[in-house]
Amino acid sequence: MNLKLFLNPLLISTRPCYFRRPLLVLNKNYVVGTPLKRVNYFSTRTDKNKSSGWGQWEGVFKRSRIRDGAVAKQWEINCYCLLPLRTVSRVWGFFADKNIPEFARPLVFQTYARTFGVDISEAQHEDLKHYSTLTEFFTRPLKEHVRIIDSDSCLVSPCDGTVLSVGSVDNGQVEQVKGVTYYVQDFLGEKLDNRKGVQHINTKKYHEHLLHKPHEGNTLYQCVIYLAPGDYHRFHSPADWKPTHRRHFSGELLSVNPRIAKWLPGLFVLNERAVYLGEWAHGFFSYTAVGATNVGSIRVIFDKTLQTNQKRKTHKFKDACLGSGITLHKGDLIGEFRMGSTIVIIFEAPVDFKFDIAHGQKVKMGQKFGCVPEQKTLQQNAKH
């Protein structure tokens, strides 16, 4: 891959007088670390003459772009991790918490809403002067009945966003996006035994360790949801469950844009994340909020001790016991991101569990996600 394209966020392109348009332009979906959008920048005369020097250079430029399906090499990952994205995120957070003059708020927030497709009519406060900072606008609450929690499904969407991956966990591996996987043990952390402490075990045994009811034929499932900058930034409980343990991994703050997720294997393992482990009606249940560029701050309302986006990254986790006093129900507010990011749920369920969503689908918080067929039958009979 061309290093110039890889470092494009740090480069500013110039254009000679014989170019009619800029070589590279930013678009509304641009994120740090992704190739910039290319426009038809050659003059009509140059386009007609494909044998010219400029026409040949255009072909070289096309070949140097990241090809679909290409996966990052180790040196590319290392270079990407060297970018000061953690510092950028802290600086962004500093300015996002600064008070905006009241007269400028409508202009600032309307510009953001138009750029990222935010539906202001869903917000609890439609008057843009109500939001004194960017953070308040990003984490805005919605009107009471804008999101309806599906009562017939045992699992609902925890947030607004796009489904990057959904399905079963095979051989202890989770699909980041289609064709790119990572290990559950690397993502959730090593086995924790009350008597023996943290233990490293092989992938197969770790998979079996997570299953609470293997004798009932249960297996593990997973779902990854990406929250874009224009989505509702709060995240909720997707089921009735009890979180008992939290692990905070202080890692990178790389972009979790779908294009980056497709290019960089193990992205969610590298990034900072707060992992909540517990149980639900069918066994093991985990809920993870993944940090990203400009989203270092993750707030969880029932976990006041969680502190994210610290100066140092260790790639190690810190354990915290939540006790047994926390019970979450479908739709309960869990926390919020300061920008867009990712929610990953990994859970145990019967083998006949069926998802009601698909890869690439746009979802809204509270909509039907999946259920056990037997439970659907019981609910339908109860209605009749």
Protein backbone atom coordinates (compact mmCIF):
# COMPACT_ATOMS: atom_id res chain seq x y z
CA MET A 1 0.00 0.00 0.00
CA ASN A 2 1.20 3.51 -0.83
CA LEU A 3 2.57 5.15 2.35
CA LYS A 4 1.39 8.53 1.11
CA LEU A 5 -2.20 7.33 1.08
CA PHE A 6 -1.77 5.63 4.45
CA LEU A 7 -0.69 8.92 6.05
CA ASN A 8 -3.19 11.03 4.10
CA PRO A 9 -4.68 12.69 7.24
CA LEU A 10 -1.31 14.40 7.76
CA LEU A 11 -0.92 15.51 4.15
CA ILE A 12 -2.38 18.52 2.40
CA SER A 13 -2.57 18.24 -1.35
CA THR A 14 -1.80 21.18 -3.58
CA ARG A 15 -2.84 21.63 -7.18
CA PRO A 16 -0.96 23.24 -10.09
CA CYS A 17 -2.74 25.68 -12.37
CA TYR A 18 -3.38 22.98 -15.00
CA PHE A 19 -5.61 20.99 -12.60
CA ARG A 20 -9.24 22.01 -12.77
CA ARG A 21 -10.17 20.46 -9.38
CA PRO A 22 -8.33 19.37 -6.21
CA LEU A 23 -6.49 16.06 -6.28
CA LEU A 24 -8.02 14.86 -2.98
CA VAL A 25 -11.11 16.15 -1.19
CA LEU A 26 -12.73 15.50 2.17
CA ASN A 27 -16.28 14.19 2.31
CA LYS A 28 -18.80 14.10 5.15
CA ASN A 29 -18.02 10.49 6.05
CA TYR A 30 -14.27 11.03 6.28
CA VAL A 31 -12.48 9.53 9.30
CA VAL A 32 -8.82 9.63 10.24
CA GLY A 33 -6.90 6.79 8.67
CA THR A 34 -9.11 6.16 5.63
CA PRO A 35 -8.28 7.02 2.01
CA LEU A 36 -9.56 10.42 0.93
CA LYS A 37 -12.17 10.66 -1.79
CA ARG A 38 -10.74 11.06 -5.30
CA VAL A 39 -12.52 13.25 -7.85
CA ASN A 40 -12.18 13.57 -11.61
CA TYR A 41 -9.39 16.08 -11.38
CA PHE A 42 -7.90 15.81 -14.91
CA SER A 43 -8.76 18.25 -17.66
CA THR A 44 -10.86 17.16 -20.62
CA ARG A 45 -7.81 17.17 -22.86
CA THR A 46 -5.89 14.88 -20.49
CA ASP A 47 -8.86 12.49 -20.12
CA LYS A 48 -9.06 12.09 -23.88
CA ASN A 49 -5.37 11.36 -24.16
CA LYS A 50 -4.97 8.23 -22.01
CA SER A 51 -1.51 7.62 -23.43
CA SER A 52 -0.23 10.89 -21.99
CA GLY A 53 2.05 11.02 -19.00
CA TRP A 54 -0.73 12.29 -16.75
CA GLY A 55 -3.04 9.51 -17.93
CA GLN A 56 -0.41 6.90 -17.06
CA TRP A 57 0.09 8.52 -13.65
CA GLU A 58 -3.66 8.23 -13.04
CA GLY A 59 -3.41 4.46 -13.55
CA VAL A 60 -0.57 4.25 -11.03
CA PHE A 61 -2.67 6.21 -8.55
CA LYS A 62 -5.58 3.80 -8.96
CA ARG A 63 -3.39 0.76 -8.40
CA SER A 64 -1.88 2.29 -5.26
CA ARG A 65 -5.22 2.61 -3.47
CA ILE A 66 -6.31 0.06 -0.87
CA ARG A 67 -7.98 -2.77 -2.74
CA ASP A 68 -11.28 -4.18 -1.50
CA GLY A 69 -10.62 -7.17 0.70
CA ALA A 70 -6.98 -6.25 1.37
CA VAL A 71 -5.88 -6.76 4.98
CA ALA A 72 -3.31 -4.55 6.70
CA LYS A 73 0.22 -5.87 7.03
CA GLN A 74 1.96 -5.79 10.39
CA TRP A 75 4.12 -2.78 9.50
CA GLU A 76 1.01 -0.87 8.43
CA ILE A 77 -0.67 -1.67 11.74
CA ASN A 78 2.45 -0.52 13.61
CA CYS A 79 2.55 2.75 11.66
CA TYR A 80 -1.15 3.36 12.28
CA CYS A 81 -0.70 2.78 16.02
CA LEU A 82 2.15 5.33 16.04
CA LEU A 83 -0.24 8.13 15.04
CA PRO A 84 -1.04 10.29 18.11
CA LEU A 85 -4.73 9.40 18.01
CA ARG A 86 -4.98 9.10 21.79
CA THR A 87 -3.68 12.64 22.19
CA VAL A 88 -5.98 13.83 19.40
CA SER A 89 -8.93 12.26 21.24
CA ARG A 90 -8.00 13.98 24.51
CA VAL A 91 -7.67 17.35 22.74
CA TRP A 92 -10.99 16.77 20.99
CA GLY A 93 -12.62 15.96 24.34
CA PHE A 94 -11.18 19.17 25.82
CA PHE A 95 -12.75 21.35 23.13
CA ALA A 96 -15.99 19.32 23.06
CA ASP A 97 -16.54 20.26 26.72
CA LYS A 98 -15.99 23.97 26.09
CA ASN A 99 -19.02 26.24 26.31
CA ILE A 100 -20.30 27.53 22.94
CA PRO A 101 -21.71 31.09 22.84
CA GLU A 102 -25.50 30.92 22.67
CA PHE A 103 -25.75 32.90 19.43
CA ALA A 104 -23.41 30.43 17.65
CA ARG A 105 -25.07 27.20 18.81
CA PRO A 106 -27.74 26.91 16.08
CA LEU A 107 -25.15 27.38 13.33
CA VAL A 108 -22.69 24.88 14.86
CA PHE A 109 -25.23 22.15 15.57
CA GLN A 110 -27.22 22.61 12.34
CA THR A 111 -24.00 22.28 10.37
CA TYR A 112 -23.15 19.07 12.23
CA ALA A 113 -26.70 17.73 11.79
CA ARG A 114 -26.68 18.36 8.02
CA THR A 115 -23.20 16.89 7.63
CA PHE A 116 -23.89 13.63 9.47
CA GLY A 117 -27.64 13.26 8.97
CA VAL A 118 -28.82 13.89 12.53
CA ASP A 119 -32.61 13.94 13.00
CA ILE A 120 -33.11 16.83 15.42
CA SER A 121 -36.87 16.18 15.63
CA GLU A 122 -36.16 13.02 17.67
CA ALA A 123 -34.24 14.91 20.35
CA GLN A 124 -35.87 15.63 23.68
CA HIS A 125 -34.83 19.26 23.26
CA GLU A 126 -35.22 20.48 19.67
CA ASP A 127 -34.08 23.99 20.57
CA LEU A 128 -30.38 23.89 19.67
CA LYS A 129 -29.61 26.72 22.09
CA HIS A 130 -30.33 24.25 24.89
CA TYR A 131 -27.01 22.45 24.25
CA SER A 132 -24.14 24.48 25.68
CA THR A 133 -21.33 22.16 24.49
CA LEU A 134 -20.63 19.70 21.70
CA THR A 135 -20.63 16.89 24.27
CA GLU A 136 -24.17 17.76 25.39
CA PHE A 137 -25.33 17.65 21.78
CA PHE A 138 -23.58 14.34 21.03
CA THR A 139 -25.11 12.67 24.10
CA ARG A 140 -28.57 14.23 23.72
CA PRO A 141 -31.50 12.17 25.06
CA LEU A 142 -34.41 11.27 22.77
CA LYS A 143 -38.12 11.87 23.23
CA GLU A 144 -39.85 9.29 25.36
CA HIS A 145 -41.68 7.33 22.65
CA VAL A 146 -39.25 7.75 19.75
CA ARG A 147 -37.71 4.31 20.42
CA ILE A 148 -40.12 1.48 21.26
CA ILE A 149 -38.71 -1.53 23.14
CA ASP A 150 -39.92 -4.75 21.48
CA SER A 151 -41.70 -6.78 24.16
CA ASP A 152 -41.87 -10.05 22.20
CA SER A 153 -38.12 -10.49 21.72
CA CYS A 154 -35.70 -11.74 24.37
CA LEU A 155 -32.95 -9.65 22.72
CA VAL A 156 -33.31 -6.13 21.32
CA SER A 157 -30.90 -3.69 19.71
CA PRO A 158 -28.78 -1.92 22.36
CA CYS A 159 -28.26 1.19 20.23
CA ASP A 160 -28.77 2.90 16.89
CA GLY A 161 -26.23 1.89 14.28
CA THR A 162 -25.17 -0.50 11.52
CA VAL A 163 -24.69 -4.23 12.04
CA LEU A 164 -21.08 -5.08 11.11
CA SER A 165 -21.27 -8.74 12.08
CA VAL A 166 -23.85 -11.14 13.48
CA GLY A 167 -23.92 -14.91 14.02
CA SER A 168 -22.44 -17.70 16.10
CA VAL A 169 -18.95 -17.82 17.63
CA ASP A 170 -16.97 -20.53 15.82
CA ASN A 171 -13.94 -22.17 17.46
CA GLY A 172 -13.54 -19.31 19.91
CA GLN A 173 -13.35 -16.69 17.14
CA VAL A 174 -15.57 -13.65 16.63
CA GLU A 175 -16.17 -12.07 13.24
CA GLN A 176 -15.13 -8.41 13.28
CA VAL A 177 -16.58 -7.89 9.82
CA LYS A 178 -17.18 -10.45 7.12
CA GLY A 179 -13.95 -12.42 6.63
CA VAL A 180 -11.97 -10.74 9.45
CA THR A 181 -11.93 -12.44 12.87
CA TYR A 182 -10.33 -12.22 16.32
CA TYR A 183 -10.24 -14.50 19.36
CA VAL A 184 -12.83 -14.20 22.12
CA GLN A 185 -10.14 -14.72 24.78
CA ASP A 186 -8.10 -11.79 23.44
CA PHE A 187 -11.20 -9.60 23.44
CA LEU A 188 -12.79 -10.49 26.79
CA GLY A 189 -9.56 -11.29 28.63
CA GLU A 190 -8.26 -14.45 30.23
CA LYS A 191 -10.24 -16.79 32.43
CA LEU A 192 -10.84 -15.54 35.96
CA ASP A 193 -11.09 -18.18 38.69
CA ASN A 194 -12.25 -17.09 42.15
CA ARG A 195 -9.65 -19.33 43.79
CA LYS A 196 -6.79 -19.44 41.28
CA GLY A 197 -7.02 -15.92 39.87
CA VAL A 198 -6.38 -15.11 36.19
CA GLN A 199 -5.56 -18.19 34.11
CA HIS A 200 -4.44 -18.54 30.50
CA ILE A 201 -6.07 -21.50 28.76
CA ASN A 202 -6.31 -22.58 25.13
CA THR A 203 -9.03 -21.31 22.81
CA LYS A 204 -11.19 -24.44 22.92
CA LYS A 205 -11.21 -24.62 26.72
CA TYR A 206 -11.92 -20.89 26.95
CA HIS A 207 -14.94 -21.30 24.67
CA GLU A 208 -16.19 -24.13 26.89
CA HIS A 209 -15.44 -22.10 30.03
CA LEU A 210 -17.83 -19.34 28.93
CA LEU A 211 -20.74 -21.74 28.45
CA HIS A 212 -22.78 -22.04 31.64
CA LYS A 213 -25.28 -24.57 30.28
CA PRO A 214 -23.42 -26.79 27.78
CA HIS A 215 -25.52 -29.79 28.82
CA GLU A 216 -28.58 -28.03 27.37
CA GLY A 217 -26.94 -27.75 23.96
CA ASN A 218 -26.16 -24.05 24.23
CA THR A 219 -23.60 -22.23 22.13
CA LEU A 220 -22.11 -18.72 21.86
CA TYR A 221 -23.41 -15.94 19.61
CA GLN A 222 -22.11 -12.48 18.80
CA CYS A 223 -23.20 -9.19 17.30
CA VAL A 224 -21.18 -6.07 16.45
CA ILE A 225 -22.92 -2.71 15.94
CA TYR A 226 -21.18 0.42 14.66
CA LEU A 227 -22.47 3.82 15.79
CA ALA A 228 -21.76 6.50 13.17
CA PRO A 229 -21.18 10.14 14.21
CA GLY A 230 -24.77 10.99 13.26
CA ASP A 231 -26.38 8.18 15.27
CA TYR A 232 -27.96 8.41 18.72
CA HIS A 233 -24.91 8.17 21.02
CA ARG A 234 -26.42 6.50 24.07
CA PHE A 235 -26.41 2.73 24.52
CA HIS A 236 -28.92 0.58 26.40
CA SER A 237 -29.41 -2.93 27.74
CA PRO A 238 -30.39 -5.41 25.00
CA ALA A 239 -31.87 -7.97 27.44
CA ASP A 240 -32.77 -8.72 31.03
CA TRP A 241 -29.42 -9.62 32.60
CA LYS A 242 -27.10 -9.12 35.58
CA PRO A 243 -23.56 -7.72 35.06
CA THR A 244 -21.28 -8.93 37.86
CA HIS A 245 -17.80 -8.12 36.60
CA ARG A 246 -16.07 -5.37 34.61
CA ARG A 247 -12.77 -5.38 32.74
CA HIS A 248 -11.26 -2.17 31.43
CA PHE A 249 -8.64 -2.54 28.69
CA SER A 250 -6.57 0.61 28.19
CA GLY A 251 -5.50 0.33 24.55
CA GLU A 252 -5.43 2.24 21.29
CA LEU A 253 -8.09 4.67 20.06
CA LEU A 254 -8.11 3.69 16.39
CA SER A 255 -11.01 4.49 14.10
CA VAL A 256 -13.76 1.83 14.10
CA ASN A 257 -15.22 2.96 10.79
CA PRO A 258 -16.38 -0.12 8.80
CA ARG A 259 -13.68 0.45 6.17
CA ILE A 260 -10.99 0.36 8.84
CA ALA A 261 -12.61 -2.67 10.51
CA LYS A 262 -12.44 -4.51 7.18
CA TRP A 263 -8.79 -3.54 6.66
CA LEU A 264 -7.30 -3.92 10.16
CA PRO A 265 -7.62 -7.40 11.78
CA GLY A 266 -8.03 -7.48 15.56
CA LEU A 267 -9.12 -3.83 15.65
CA PHE A 268 -11.44 -4.31 18.63
CA VAL A 269 -8.73 -6.21 20.51
CA LEU A 270 -6.31 -3.29 20.03
CA ASN A 271 -8.74 -0.56 21.06
CA GLU A 272 -9.65 0.62 24.52
CA ARG A 273 -12.85 -1.02 25.78
CA ALA A 274 -15.00 -1.61 28.84
CA VAL A 275 -16.15 -5.25 29.04
CA TYR A 276 -19.08 -6.17 31.30
CA LEU A 277 -19.54 -9.85 32.09
CA GLY A 278 -22.61 -11.44 33.64
CA GLU A 279 -25.55 -13.77 33.15
CA TRP A 280 -28.99 -13.82 31.58
CA ALA A 281 -31.77 -16.40 31.34
CA HIS A 282 -29.80 -18.60 28.93
CA GLY A 283 -26.37 -18.42 30.58
CA PHE A 284 -23.28 -16.29 29.90
CA PHE A 285 -23.75 -12.69 28.70
CA SER A 286 -21.17 -9.98 27.90
CA TYR A 287 -21.59 -6.39 26.80
CA THR A 288 -18.63 -4.33 25.54
CA ALA A 289 -18.33 -0.63 24.74
CA VAL A 290 -15.35 -0.08 22.42
CA GLY A 291 -13.55 3.27 22.30
CA ALA A 292 -12.35 4.90 19.08
CA THR A 293 -10.70 8.04 17.70
CA ASN A 294 -12.36 11.05 19.38
CA VAL A 295 -14.39 8.60 21.52
CA GLY A 296 -11.95 7.97 24.32
CA SER A 297 -14.51 8.91 26.93
CA ILE A 298 -16.98 6.10 27.68
CA ARG A 299 -19.47 6.82 30.46
CA VAL A 300 -21.36 3.99 32.19
CA ILE A 301 -24.01 5.21 34.62
CA PHE A 302 -23.78 2.34 37.13
CA ASP A 303 -19.96 2.20 37.10
CA LYS A 304 -18.67 5.46 38.57
CA THR A 305 -15.12 4.13 38.98
CA LEU A 306 -14.59 3.59 35.24
CA GLN A 307 -12.08 6.11 33.87
CA THR A 308 -11.26 5.90 30.16
CA ASN A 309 -8.90 7.75 27.80
CA GLN A 310 -6.09 8.08 30.32
CA LYS A 311 -2.66 9.36 29.26
CA ARG A 312 -1.01 5.94 29.24
CA LYS A 313 -2.11 2.89 27.30
CA THR A 314 -1.07 -0.47 28.73
CA HIS A 315 -3.05 -3.04 26.69
CA LYS A 316 -3.66 -4.73 30.04
CA PHE A 317 -6.97 -4.98 31.82
CA LYS A 318 -8.13 -3.90 35.26
CA ASP A 319 -10.77 -6.03 36.96
CA ALA A 320 -13.61 -4.68 39.06
CA CYS A 321 -16.30 -6.66 40.87
CA LEU A 322 -19.79 -5.18 40.53
CA GLY A 323 -21.38 -7.50 43.08
CA SER A 324 -24.82 -9.00 42.56
CA GLY A 325 -26.94 -5.92 43.18
CA ILE A 326 -27.17 -4.70 39.56
CA THR A 327 -30.06 -5.93 37.42
CA LEU A 328 -30.65 -4.51 33.95
CA HIS A 329 -33.84 -4.82 31.92
CA LYS A 330 -34.42 -4.44 28.19
CA GLY A 331 -34.04 -0.80 27.19
CA ASP A 332 -32.43 0.40 30.43
CA LEU A 333 -29.85 3.12 29.80
CA ILE A 334 -26.30 1.84 30.33
CA GLY A 335 -24.10 4.69 29.15
CA GLU A 336 -22.99 6.99 26.36
CA PHE A 337 -20.20 7.67 23.88
CA ARG A 338 -18.87 11.15 23.17
CA MET A 339 -18.92 10.42 19.40
CA GLY A 340 -19.63 7.32 17.29
CA SER A 341 -18.14 3.96 18.25
CA THR A 342 -19.00 0.25 18.59
CA ILE A 343 -21.00 -2.08 20.83
CA VAL A 344 -20.14 -5.81 20.89
CA ILE A 345 -22.35 -8.38 22.62
CA ILE A 346 -21.25 -12.01 23.07
CA PHE A 347 -23.74 -14.31 24.75
CA GLU A 348 -24.83 -17.88 25.34
CA ALA A 349 -28.13 -19.16 23.96
CA PRO A 350 -29.80 -22.39 22.79
CA VAL A 351 -28.75 -23.75 19.40
CA ASP A 352 -32.14 -22.85 17.93
CA PHE A 353 -31.73 -19.15 18.77
CA LYS A 354 -32.50 -17.04 15.69
CA PHE A 355 -31.39 -13.50 14.89
CA ASP A 356 -33.94 -11.15 13.32
CA ILE A 357 -31.25 -8.90 11.86
CA ALA A 358 -28.67 -9.24 9.09
CA HIS A 359 -25.17 -8.05 8.25
CA GLY A 360 -25.13 -4.44 7.02
CA GLN A 361 -28.62 -3.66 8.33
CA LYS A 362 -29.38 -0.30 9.96
CA VAL A 363 -30.97 -0.79 13.36
CA LYS A 364 -32.64 1.38 15.98
CA MET A 365 -32.40 0.97 19.72
CA GLY A 366 -35.12 -1.33 21.05
CA GLN A 367 -36.04 -3.08 17.80
CA LYS A 368 -36.32 -6.88 17.65
CA PHE A 369 -32.90 -8.55 17.53
CA GLY A 370 -33.50 -12.23 18.11
CA CYS A 371 -35.27 -14.86 20.18
CA VAL A 372 -35.58 -18.56 20.95
CA PRO A 373 -38.32 -20.17 18.77
CA GLU A 374 -39.95 -21.83 21.80
CA GLN A 375 -40.21 -18.46 23.51
CA LYS A 376 -41.81 -16.95 20.40
CA THR A 377 -44.44 -19.69 20.39
CA LEU A 378 -45.25 -19.15 24.07
CA GLN A 379 -45.58 -15.40 23.54
CA GLN A 380 -47.84 -15.84 20.52
CA ASN A 381 -50.07 -18.25 22.48
CA ALA A 382 -50.23 -15.81 25.38
CA LYS A 383 -51.52 -13.09 23.04
CA HIS A 384 -54.29 -15.35 21.76
